[in-house]
Amino acid sequence: MEALAGTARLSWSFSRVATLNGGYSYIRQDSQVEPFEDLSYSRYFLGLALQLYRSGEEPRDPAHAGETDDDEPDAQ
């Protein structure tokens, strides 16, 4: 029996809460067993992922490193 498999995937995040996913898979499988000589197939897939819940802290922008987030002025 000989087998070969490959997959390519793409993901595109077009907003903070939605991502489009897609891809292609190819499976090639040859066998010496008579009813299963060629079990090769291709598979395409497309999906939409939506964020339903967010928790935790968000990463900071490195351009704002060292800045504080407090709204109160410094005591003098």
C-alpha atoms as a PDB file:
ATOM      1  CA  MET A   1       0.000   0.000   0.000  1.00  0.00           C
ATOM      2  CA  GLU A   2       1.242   3.491  -0.895  1.00  0.00           C
ATOM      3  CA  ALA A   3      -0.162   6.740   0.481  1.00  0.00           C
ATOM      4  CA  LEU A   4       0.409  10.465   0.003  1.00  0.00           C
ATOM      5  CA  ALA A   5      -1.410  13.395   1.627  1.00  0.00           C
ATOM      6  CA  GLY A   6      -1.130  17.177   1.402  1.00  0.00           C
ATOM      7  CA  THR A   7      -3.093  20.140   2.749  1.00  0.00           C
ATOM      8  CA  ALA A   8      -3.030  23.885   2.065  1.00  0.00           C
ATOM      9  CA  ARG A   9      -4.942  26.314   4.323  1.00  0.00           C
ATOM     10  CA  LEU A  10      -5.644  30.043   4.227  1.00  0.00           C
ATOM     11  CA  SER A  11      -7.134  32.311   6.856  1.00  0.00           C
ATOM     12  CA  TRP A  12      -8.255  35.933   6.482  1.00  0.00           C
ATOM     13  CA  SER A  13      -9.383  38.011   9.460  1.00  0.00           C
ATOM     14  CA  PHE A  14     -11.551  40.787   8.042  1.00  0.00           C
ATOM     15  CA  SER A  15     -12.778  42.212  11.361  1.00  0.00           C
ATOM     16  CA  ARG A  16     -12.058  41.815  15.089  1.00  0.00           C
ATOM     17  CA  VAL A  17     -14.811  39.217  15.440  1.00  0.00           C
ATOM     18  CA  ALA A  18     -14.859  37.329  12.110  1.00  0.00           C
ATOM     19  CA  THR A  19     -12.368  35.168  10.222  1.00  0.00           C
ATOM     20  CA  LEU A  20     -12.773  33.354   6.908  1.00  0.00           C
ATOM     21  CA  ASN A  21     -10.966  29.998   6.656  1.00  0.00           C
ATOM     22  CA  GLY A  22     -10.491  27.858   3.571  1.00  0.00           C
ATOM     23  CA  GLY A  23      -8.300  25.167   2.146  1.00  0.00           C
ATOM     24  CA  TYR A  24      -7.684  22.136  -0.013  1.00  0.00           C
ATOM     25  CA  SER A  25      -6.590  18.599   0.838  1.00  0.00           C
ATOM     26  CA  TYR A  26      -5.494  15.823  -1.497  1.00  0.00           C
ATOM     27  CA  ILE A  27      -5.231  12.197  -0.414  1.00  0.00           C
ATOM     28  CA  ARG A  28      -3.747   9.537  -2.701  1.00  0.00           C
ATOM     29  CA  GLN A  29      -3.896   5.954  -1.570  1.00  0.00           C
ATOM     30  CA  ASP A  30      -3.135   2.905  -3.722  1.00  0.00           C
ATOM     31  CA  SER A  31      -3.699  -0.622  -2.492  1.00  0.00           C
ATOM     32  CA  GLN A  32      -3.182  -4.161  -3.763  1.00  0.00           C
ATOM     33  CA  VAL A  33      -6.573  -5.256  -2.366  1.00  0.00           C
ATOM     34  CA  GLU A  34      -8.969  -5.559  -5.306  1.00  0.00           C
ATOM     35  CA  PRO A  35     -12.063  -3.591  -4.193  1.00  0.00           C
ATOM     36  CA  PHE A  36      -9.878  -0.786  -2.758  1.00  0.00           C
ATOM     37  CA  GLU A  37      -7.295  -0.237  -5.518  1.00  0.00           C
ATOM     38  CA  ASP A  38      -7.749   3.542  -5.713  1.00  0.00           C
ATOM     39  CA  LEU A  39      -8.935   5.454  -2.655  1.00  0.00           C
ATOM     40  CA  SER A  40      -7.720   8.887  -3.821  1.00  0.00           C
ATOM     41  CA  TYR A  41      -9.830  12.002  -3.319  1.00  0.00           C
ATOM     42  CA  SER A  42      -9.717  15.797  -3.089  1.00  0.00           C
ATOM     43  CA  ARG A  43     -11.422  17.862  -0.412  1.00  0.00           C
ATOM     44  CA  TYR A  44     -12.164  21.595  -0.412  1.00  0.00           C
ATOM     45  CA  PHE A  45     -13.392  23.414   2.666  1.00  0.00           C
ATOM     46  CA  LEU A  46     -14.587  26.908   3.545  1.00  0.00           C
ATOM     47  CA  GLY A  47     -15.585  28.180   6.976  1.00  0.00           C
ATOM     48  CA  LEU A  48     -16.534  31.329   8.827  1.00  0.00           C
ATOM     49  CA  ALA A  49     -15.419  31.723  12.451  1.00  0.00           C
ATOM     50  CA  LEU A  50     -17.238  34.247  14.640  1.00  0.00           C
ATOM     51  CA  GLN A  51     -16.001  35.334  18.058  1.00  0.00           C
ATOM     52  CA  LEU A  52     -18.780  35.013  20.596  1.00  0.00           C
ATOM     53  CA  TYR A  53     -16.926  35.874  23.796  1.00  0.00           C
ATOM     54  CA  ARG A  54     -13.717  37.705  24.736  1.00  0.00           C
ATOM     55  CA  SER A  55     -11.944  37.685  28.081  1.00  0.00           C
ATOM     56  CA  GLY A  56      -8.542  38.534  29.426  1.00  0.00           C
ATOM     57  CA  GLU A  57      -6.185  41.325  28.541  1.00  0.00           C
ATOM     58  CA  GLU A  58      -5.457  42.476  25.029  1.00  0.00           C
ATOM     59  CA  PRO A  59      -1.836  42.894  23.914  1.00  0.00           C
ATOM     60  CA  ARG A  60      -0.471  46.441  23.899  1.00  0.00           C
ATOM     61  CA  ASP A  61       0.780  48.219  20.826  1.00  0.00           C
ATOM     62  CA  PRO A  62       4.625  48.295  20.983  1.00  0.00           C
ATOM     63  CA  ALA A  63       4.538  51.915  19.752  1.00  0.00           C
ATOM     64  CA  HIS A  64       2.992  52.899  23.101  1.00  0.00           C
ATOM     65  CA  ALA A  65       5.487  51.023  25.294  1.00  0.00           C
ATOM     66  CA  GLY A  66       6.237  52.778  28.567  1.00  0.00           C
ATOM     67  CA  GLU A  67       3.063  54.873  28.589  1.00  0.00           C
ATOM     68  CA  THR A  68       0.683  54.602  31.528  1.00  0.00           C
ATOM     69  CA  ASP A  69      -3.050  54.144  31.262  1.00  0.00           C
ATOM     70  CA  ASP A  70      -4.069  56.077  34.383  1.00  0.00           C
ATOM     71  CA  ASP A  71      -6.183  59.184  33.899  1.00  0.00           C
ATOM     72  CA  GLU A  72      -5.048  60.954  37.076  1.00  0.00           C
ATOM     73  CA  PRO A  73      -2.286  63.571  36.839  1.00  0.00           C
ATOM     74  CA  ASP A  74       1.018  62.935  38.621  1.00  0.00           C
ATOM     75  CA  ALA A  75       1.199  64.298  42.200  1.00  0.00           C
ATOM     76  CA  GLN A  76       3.632  67.188  42.636  1.00  0.00           C
END
